[in-house]
Amino acid sequence: VIEQLPNIAGSQEERKKYLILFQNNNELRPTGGFLTAYSIVLIEDGKIHPEKSDDIYELDKKFTNRIAIPESLGRYLTTERYWNLRDMNISPDFKQSMDYFFEHYQTIRGEPDDIDGIIAVDTLVLTRLLEVLGPVEVPGYGTFSAQEDARCDCPQVVYALSEIITKPTPYHREDRKGVLGPMMSAILQKTYGAPKQHWPELFAMLWESIEAKSIQMYFFDDQAQLAAENANAAGRLVATKNNDFLAIVDANLGGAKSNLFTESDLKLTVDGPENGYITNQLEITYKNTRKADNCNLEAGQLCLNAPTPTWNRLYLPLGTKLVSAQGFSQEPSEYEELEFHVVDGFFRLDPLGVAKIRVTYQVPYN
């Protein structure tokens, strides 16, 4: 990692160009959030220079390939007939999702073809930066901070960005996500000018964000990618042999930003071993803590909380036997992916509602 950091940061005038993907974790998707916007940045001698930013929907308008939506996604995302770039992060393994995304991104005219890597960040990174740096003034858009906003019991920056970007208006708004570029520049400027006593906090924030997968990295250079994977910064989902394993992967397929108000509780009971298997009983309780917003476009109100259609996948060790599954809207399917046994189901969580998933399964044990 230490060997590769200067190369990744564009040292010795070897400038690097990265595609930054902004994931909204309040609208959960398998790699961490809905791909809401993107930016192209240059890094030279450790300094970041934003080149451009835009809405992911604007990128999709330029994506003219008509690719059939994958059956696993199309089964639940019934509003789409074709596979859009914004929905390509369907694998919980970040590298695999970015392989899909970049393969098709490269076909879009006018987008750079000299990208060195892809870095995804979510709204938690933005909030943590503002906690360390304090409020940031963005010319033309106002002041943004990490202070709690009573209108949503969430950071002010989250609510303010939602108002700017998603609130319906009686007129057509161009460049709804144009705020992201100036905001990035303002935060970078404040970061570079931060007093030295903030540096340990900024470094800790960066490291915690990597550990939490709020920052994920994908490099085309093999050694840089190896460094990212060694630092657990590459968002990989890797099977281990002869071990129990559980990954719960949820995707919000149209419930506004309702994950902002969703709490989950997990209970896993392990029994055995008996006859070469251990028996796991998994119970996940999801609770939406806020009443529904008026999401009627004609009302012109901010829609953050709505019924959440949720695609749920459980990644389990190969050889797993499903005993029973309750709480899904239909019988879950089973298949192998990424060297895991996957239980694939669907449920809906309503505002102020509760949903429970109960799954019993047996894992080979030796």
Protein backbone atom coordinates (compact mmCIF):
# COMPACT_ATOMS: atom_id res chain seq x y z
CA VAL A 1 0.00 0.00 0.00
CA ILE A 2 2.76 2.45 0.96
CA GLU A 3 4.62 1.69 -2.28
CA GLN A 4 1.52 2.42 -4.38
CA LEU A 5 0.23 5.56 -2.63
CA PRO A 6 2.50 8.02 -4.53
CA ASN A 7 1.49 6.43 -7.83
CA ILE A 8 -2.23 6.57 -6.95
CA ALA A 9 -1.87 10.22 -5.85
CA GLY A 10 -0.22 11.30 -9.12
CA SER A 11 3.30 11.93 -7.85
CA GLN A 12 6.24 13.19 -9.95
CA GLU A 13 3.91 14.90 -12.42
CA GLU A 14 2.33 11.59 -13.45
CA ARG A 15 -1.19 12.95 -13.26
CA LYS A 16 -4.03 10.49 -12.64
CA LYS A 17 -7.62 10.78 -13.78
CA TYR A 18 -10.39 9.15 -11.77
CA LEU A 19 -14.10 8.65 -12.24
CA ILE A 20 -15.86 9.46 -8.95
CA LEU A 21 -19.25 7.85 -8.39
CA PHE A 22 -21.53 9.35 -5.74
CA GLN A 23 -23.60 6.67 -4.05
CA ASN A 24 -26.69 7.67 -2.09
CA ASN A 25 -26.78 5.19 0.78
CA ASN A 26 -30.23 6.53 1.75
CA GLU A 27 -31.43 4.69 -1.37
CA LEU A 28 -29.62 1.44 -0.74
CA ARG A 29 -28.09 -0.60 -3.56
CA PRO A 30 -25.73 -3.64 -3.49
CA THR A 31 -22.43 -1.69 -3.57
CA GLY A 32 -23.70 0.81 -0.99
CA GLY A 33 -26.15 3.16 -2.66
CA PHE A 34 -27.90 4.37 -5.78
CA LEU A 35 -25.43 5.80 -8.31
CA THR A 36 -26.84 9.32 -8.20
CA ALA A 37 -24.09 11.39 -9.88
CA TYR A 38 -20.54 11.24 -11.16
CA SER A 39 -17.48 13.44 -11.49
CA ILE A 40 -14.15 13.37 -13.30
CA VAL A 41 -11.20 14.51 -11.18
CA LEU A 42 -7.49 14.92 -11.82
CA ILE A 43 -4.95 14.16 -9.08
CA GLU A 44 -1.46 15.56 -9.38
CA ASP A 45 1.08 15.50 -6.54
CA GLY A 46 -1.71 14.70 -4.11
CA LYS A 47 -3.88 17.69 -5.09
CA ILE A 48 -7.37 17.01 -6.45
CA HIS A 49 -8.75 19.13 -9.29
CA PRO A 50 -12.42 18.52 -10.28
CA GLU A 51 -12.80 18.56 -14.06
CA LYS A 52 -16.58 18.06 -14.43
CA SER A 53 -19.60 16.57 -12.71
CA ASP A 54 -23.07 15.59 -13.82
CA ASP A 55 -26.25 13.72 -13.00
CA ILE A 56 -26.23 9.96 -13.62
CA TYR A 57 -29.49 10.37 -15.55
CA GLU A 58 -27.72 12.73 -17.97
CA LEU A 59 -25.08 10.04 -18.48
CA ASP A 60 -27.81 7.48 -19.14
CA LYS A 61 -29.35 9.76 -21.77
CA LYS A 62 -26.08 9.51 -23.71
CA PHE A 63 -25.92 5.73 -23.24
CA THR A 64 -27.65 4.53 -26.39
CA ASN A 65 -26.99 0.77 -26.08
CA ARG A 66 -30.17 -1.18 -25.43
CA ILE A 67 -29.17 -4.01 -23.11
CA ALA A 68 -31.82 -6.33 -21.70
CA ILE A 69 -32.09 -5.94 -17.93
CA PRO A 70 -30.64 -8.98 -16.08
CA GLU A 71 -33.34 -11.45 -15.14
CA SER A 72 -32.38 -11.33 -11.44
CA LEU A 73 -32.92 -7.54 -11.34
CA GLY A 74 -35.80 -7.32 -13.81
CA ARG A 75 -37.82 -9.74 -11.71
CA TYR A 76 -38.24 -6.95 -9.11
CA LEU A 77 -37.35 -3.68 -10.90
CA THR A 78 -40.39 -3.87 -13.14
CA THR A 79 -40.32 -0.18 -14.14
CA GLU A 80 -37.30 -0.75 -16.41
CA ARG A 81 -37.07 -2.71 -19.63
CA TYR A 82 -33.39 -2.06 -20.35
CA TRP A 83 -30.31 -2.10 -18.14
CA ASN A 84 -29.29 1.48 -17.34
CA LEU A 85 -25.87 2.54 -16.10
CA ARG A 86 -27.45 3.78 -12.87
CA ASP A 87 -28.60 0.22 -12.08
CA MET A 88 -25.40 -1.64 -12.96
CA ASN A 89 -24.03 -1.90 -9.42
CA ILE A 90 -26.09 -5.02 -8.78
CA SER A 91 -23.22 -7.18 -7.56
CA PRO A 92 -22.19 -6.67 -3.93
CA ASP A 93 -18.60 -7.21 -5.11
CA PHE A 94 -17.53 -3.67 -6.07
CA LYS A 95 -15.01 -4.80 -8.66
CA GLN A 96 -17.53 -6.97 -10.47
CA SER A 97 -20.10 -4.16 -10.50
CA MET A 98 -17.52 -1.71 -11.83
CA ASP A 99 -16.48 -4.21 -14.51
CA TYR A 100 -20.09 -4.08 -15.77
CA PHE A 101 -20.34 -0.30 -15.39
CA PHE A 102 -17.05 0.66 -17.01
CA GLU A 103 -17.45 -1.73 -19.93
CA HIS A 104 -20.52 0.24 -20.98
CA TYR A 105 -19.35 3.68 -19.80
CA GLN A 106 -16.49 3.44 -22.31
CA THR A 107 -18.99 3.30 -25.19
CA ILE A 108 -20.40 6.78 -24.46
CA ARG A 109 -19.18 9.50 -26.78
CA GLY A 110 -17.62 12.52 -25.14
CA GLU A 111 -16.60 10.71 -21.95
CA PRO A 112 -12.85 10.40 -21.25
CA ASP A 113 -11.09 7.22 -22.36
CA ASP A 114 -7.99 7.70 -20.19
CA ILE A 115 -9.49 6.88 -16.79
CA ASP A 116 -7.07 5.33 -14.27
CA GLY A 117 -9.68 4.08 -11.84
CA ILE A 118 -13.09 4.46 -10.21
CA ILE A 119 -13.69 5.67 -6.66
CA ALA A 120 -17.14 5.50 -5.04
CA VAL A 121 -18.12 7.67 -2.06
CA ASP A 122 -21.41 7.94 -0.20
CA THR A 123 -23.21 10.60 1.83
CA LEU A 124 -21.63 9.41 5.09
CA VAL A 125 -18.24 10.59 3.78
CA LEU A 126 -19.70 14.02 3.06
CA THR A 127 -21.27 14.22 6.52
CA ARG A 128 -18.08 13.14 8.29
CA LEU A 129 -16.00 15.66 6.35
CA LEU A 130 -18.32 18.47 7.44
CA GLU A 131 -18.19 17.22 11.04
CA VAL A 132 -14.41 17.75 10.98
CA LEU A 133 -14.20 20.87 8.80
CA GLY A 134 -17.34 22.68 9.95
CA PRO A 135 -19.95 24.32 7.69
CA VAL A 136 -19.02 24.92 4.05
CA GLU A 137 -20.29 27.83 1.94
CA VAL A 138 -21.03 26.94 -1.69
CA PRO A 139 -21.51 30.04 -3.86
CA GLY A 140 -24.97 30.17 -5.36
CA TYR A 141 -26.31 27.36 -3.17
CA GLY A 142 -25.84 28.41 0.47
CA THR A 143 -24.23 26.85 3.52
CA PHE A 144 -24.07 23.13 4.24
CA SER A 145 -23.30 21.51 7.59
CA ALA A 146 -23.42 18.21 9.47
CA GLN A 147 -25.77 19.58 12.14
CA GLU A 148 -28.99 17.65 12.66
CA ASP A 149 -31.97 19.03 10.77
CA ALA A 150 -35.30 18.64 12.61
CA ARG A 151 -37.16 18.33 9.30
CA CYS A 152 -35.70 14.86 8.79
CA ASP A 153 -33.70 14.11 11.96
CA CYS A 154 -30.75 13.80 9.62
CA PRO A 155 -27.69 15.97 8.78
CA GLN A 156 -28.62 19.36 7.30
CA VAL A 157 -26.49 18.68 4.22
CA VAL A 158 -28.55 15.57 3.41
CA TYR A 159 -31.86 17.43 3.61
CA ALA A 160 -30.54 20.50 1.76
CA LEU A 161 -29.14 18.43 -1.11
CA SER A 162 -32.41 16.49 -1.35
CA GLU A 163 -34.33 19.75 -1.64
CA ILE A 164 -32.01 21.06 -4.34
CA ILE A 165 -31.84 17.83 -6.32
CA THR A 166 -35.11 15.94 -5.92
CA LYS A 167 -37.88 18.35 -4.86
CA PRO A 168 -40.42 18.74 -7.69
CA THR A 169 -40.87 22.22 -9.18
CA PRO A 170 -43.55 23.63 -11.52
CA TYR A 171 -40.79 24.46 -14.00
CA HIS A 172 -38.05 22.40 -15.67
CA ARG A 173 -34.70 22.61 -13.89
CA GLU A 174 -31.50 22.08 -15.80
CA ASP A 175 -28.48 20.52 -14.12
CA ARG A 176 -30.25 19.55 -10.88
CA LYS A 177 -27.07 18.02 -9.50
CA GLY A 178 -24.84 20.89 -10.60
CA VAL A 179 -24.33 21.68 -6.91
CA LEU A 180 -22.06 18.65 -6.47
CA GLY A 181 -19.12 20.07 -8.47
CA PRO A 182 -18.99 23.43 -6.64
CA MET A 183 -19.54 21.63 -3.32
CA MET A 184 -16.60 19.30 -4.00
CA SER A 185 -14.40 22.30 -4.86
CA ALA A 186 -15.46 24.16 -1.70
CA ILE A 187 -14.78 21.14 0.52
CA LEU A 188 -11.39 20.49 -1.10
CA GLN A 189 -10.42 24.12 -0.68
CA LYS A 190 -11.37 24.02 3.00
CA THR A 191 -9.59 20.67 3.46
CA TYR A 192 -6.31 21.93 1.98
CA GLY A 193 -6.52 25.02 4.17
CA ALA A 194 -7.42 23.12 7.35
CA PRO A 195 -5.23 23.73 10.43
CA LYS A 196 -2.77 20.93 11.18
CA GLN A 197 -4.73 19.89 14.27
CA HIS A 198 -7.50 18.67 11.93
CA TRP A 199 -5.18 16.35 10.00
CA PRO A 200 -5.41 13.39 12.43
CA GLU A 201 -9.23 13.71 12.40
CA LEU A 202 -9.29 13.80 8.60
CA PHE A 203 -7.00 10.77 8.38
CA ALA A 204 -9.14 8.87 10.92
CA MET A 205 -12.29 9.84 9.00
CA LEU A 206 -10.75 8.55 5.77
CA TRP A 207 -9.71 5.25 7.34
CA GLU A 208 -13.09 4.73 9.05
CA SER A 209 -14.86 5.44 5.75
CA ILE A 210 -12.75 2.80 4.01
CA GLU A 211 -13.46 0.25 6.75
CA ALA A 212 -17.19 0.98 6.49
CA LYS A 213 -17.09 0.71 2.66
CA SER A 214 -18.24 4.32 2.40
CA ILE A 215 -15.19 4.73 0.14
CA GLN A 216 -14.42 1.96 -2.38
CA MET A 217 -11.68 1.92 -5.01
CA TYR A 218 -11.18 0.16 -8.33
CA PHE A 219 -7.91 0.65 -10.26
CA PHE A 220 -6.95 -0.54 -13.72
CA ASP A 221 -3.30 -0.83 -12.72
CA ASP A 222 -2.83 -4.32 -11.25
CA GLN A 223 -0.46 -3.22 -8.47
CA ALA A 224 -2.68 -0.33 -7.42
CA GLN A 225 -5.69 -2.67 -7.36
CA LEU A 226 -3.72 -5.19 -5.26
CA ALA A 227 -2.85 -2.41 -2.80
CA ALA A 228 -6.53 -1.42 -2.54
CA GLU A 229 -7.55 -5.02 -1.92
CA ASN A 230 -4.81 -5.48 0.71
CA ALA A 231 -6.12 -2.38 2.51
CA ASN A 232 -9.69 -3.73 2.31
CA ALA A 233 -10.56 -0.63 0.27
CA ALA A 234 -11.72 -2.41 -2.89
CA GLY A 235 -15.16 -3.55 -1.72
CA ARG A 236 -14.53 -7.20 -2.57
CA LEU A 237 -16.84 -9.99 -1.45
CA VAL A 238 -14.59 -13.03 -1.23
CA ALA A 239 -15.57 -16.54 -0.18
CA THR A 240 -13.39 -18.33 2.36
CA LYS A 241 -13.16 -22.09 2.44
CA ASN A 242 -14.30 -24.19 5.39
CA ASN A 243 -15.78 -21.22 7.24
CA ASP A 244 -19.28 -20.06 8.01
CA PHE A 245 -20.19 -16.82 6.25
CA LEU A 246 -23.14 -14.44 6.02
CA ALA A 247 -23.58 -11.29 3.92
CA ILE A 248 -26.98 -9.58 3.80
CA VAL A 249 -27.39 -7.51 0.63
CA ASP A 250 -30.44 -5.27 0.28
CA ALA A 251 -31.47 -3.10 -2.66
CA ASN A 252 -34.10 -0.35 -2.46
CA LEU A 253 -35.85 -0.52 -5.83
CA GLY A 254 -38.03 2.57 -5.68
CA GLY A 255 -38.73 3.59 -2.09
CA ALA A 256 -37.40 7.17 -2.38
CA LYS A 257 -34.71 7.79 0.31
CA SER A 258 -36.45 5.63 2.89
CA ASN A 259 -33.25 3.91 4.11
CA LEU A 260 -32.63 7.19 5.93
CA PHE A 261 -35.46 6.15 8.26
CA THR A 262 -34.95 2.37 8.27
CA GLU A 263 -33.55 0.56 11.28
CA SER A 264 -32.58 -3.11 11.21
CA ASP A 265 -31.96 -5.63 13.95
CA LEU A 266 -30.21 -8.95 13.40
CA LYS A 267 -30.33 -12.16 15.40
CA LEU A 268 -28.36 -15.24 14.33
CA THR A 269 -28.61 -18.46 16.31
CA VAL A 270 -26.13 -21.26 15.54
CA ASP A 271 -26.83 -24.89 16.49
CA GLY A 272 -24.77 -28.04 16.17
CA PRO A 273 -22.69 -29.52 14.68
CA GLU A 274 -24.82 -32.53 13.84
CA ASN A 275 -24.41 -34.99 10.96
CA GLY A 276 -21.76 -32.80 9.31
CA TYR A 277 -23.82 -29.58 9.41
CA ILE A 278 -24.43 -26.61 11.64
CA THR A 279 -27.92 -25.09 11.61
CA ASN A 280 -28.28 -21.32 11.44
CA GLN A 281 -31.49 -19.52 12.27
CA LEU A 282 -31.44 -15.94 10.97
CA GLU A 283 -34.00 -13.30 11.89
CA ILE A 284 -33.81 -9.78 10.46
CA THR A 285 -36.27 -7.13 11.66
CA TYR A 286 -36.64 -3.98 9.56
CA LYS A 287 -38.49 -0.97 10.98
CA ASN A 288 -39.37 2.27 9.23
CA THR A 289 -39.56 5.00 11.90
CA ARG A 290 -41.23 7.84 9.99
CA LYS A 291 -44.62 8.48 8.42
CA ALA A 292 -44.86 8.59 4.64
CA ASP A 293 -44.20 11.80 2.76
CA ASN A 294 -46.58 13.12 0.14
CA CYS A 295 -44.85 11.79 -2.96
CA ASN A 296 -47.48 12.99 -5.40
CA LEU A 297 -45.52 15.05 -7.94
CA GLU A 298 -48.39 17.53 -8.24
CA ALA A 299 -48.09 18.32 -4.52
CA GLY A 300 -44.57 19.62 -5.11
CA GLN A 301 -43.33 18.37 -1.75
CA LEU A 302 -40.04 16.71 -0.87
CA CYS A 303 -40.44 12.92 -1.06
CA LEU A 304 -37.96 11.17 1.22
CA ASN A 305 -40.01 8.36 2.75
CA ALA A 306 -42.21 5.98 0.78
CA PRO A 307 -43.01 2.23 0.70
CA THR A 308 -39.76 0.40 0.01
CA PRO A 309 -39.69 -2.55 -2.41
CA THR A 310 -36.60 -4.43 -1.21
CA TRP A 311 -34.57 -7.02 -3.09
CA ASN A 312 -32.90 -9.11 -0.40
CA ARG A 313 -30.06 -11.58 -0.98
CA LEU A 314 -28.26 -13.74 1.56
CA TYR A 315 -24.74 -14.86 0.56
CA LEU A 316 -23.92 -18.13 2.31
CA PRO A 317 -21.21 -20.83 2.02
CA LEU A 318 -21.33 -23.23 -0.91
CA GLY A 319 -23.17 -26.41 0.01
CA THR A 320 -25.73 -24.60 2.17
CA LYS A 321 -29.16 -26.26 2.42
CA LEU A 322 -32.17 -23.98 2.85
CA VAL A 323 -34.58 -25.44 5.44
CA SER A 324 -37.25 -22.72 5.59
CA ALA A 325 -37.82 -19.06 4.68
CA GLN A 326 -40.54 -16.73 5.94
CA GLY A 327 -41.32 -13.06 5.39
CA PHE A 328 -40.70 -12.86 1.65
CA SER A 329 -43.55 -11.91 -0.69
CA GLN A 330 -42.95 -15.15 -2.62
CA GLU A 331 -40.79 -18.26 -2.37
CA PRO A 332 -37.12 -17.19 -2.61
CA SER A 333 -34.92 -18.54 -5.38
CA GLU A 334 -31.51 -20.17 -4.88
CA TYR A 335 -28.40 -20.17 -7.05
CA GLU A 336 -24.59 -19.94 -6.90
CA GLU A 337 -22.74 -16.65 -7.42
CA LEU A 338 -19.22 -15.42 -6.51
CA GLU A 339 -18.56 -18.90 -5.04
CA PHE A 340 -21.45 -18.45 -2.60
CA HIS A 341 -24.85 -20.07 -2.22
CA VAL A 342 -27.39 -17.24 -2.61
CA VAL A 343 -30.92 -17.08 -1.23
CA ASP A 344 -32.74 -14.43 -3.27
CA GLY A 345 -36.04 -12.92 -2.10
CA PHE A 346 -38.21 -9.82 -2.03
CA PHE A 347 -40.29 -7.94 0.54
CA ARG A 348 -41.86 -4.51 1.04
CA LEU A 349 -41.43 -2.20 4.02
CA ASP A 350 -44.03 0.52 4.54
CA PRO A 351 -43.55 3.83 6.40
CA LEU A 352 -44.06 3.27 10.15
CA GLY A 353 -44.13 -0.43 9.30
CA VAL A 354 -42.18 -3.52 10.34
CA ALA A 355 -40.95 -6.40 8.17
CA LYS A 356 -39.43 -9.64 9.48
CA ILE A 357 -37.36 -12.15 7.54
CA ARG A 358 -36.78 -15.56 9.13
CA VAL A 359 -34.51 -18.05 7.39
CA THR A 360 -33.24 -21.41 8.64
CA TYR A 361 -30.38 -23.03 6.74
CA GLN A 362 -27.72 -25.70 7.23
CA VAL A 363 -24.01 -25.12 6.50
CA PRO A 364 -21.49 -27.96 5.91
CA TYR A 365 -19.23 -28.27 8.94
CA ASN A 366 -15.96 -30.16 9.35
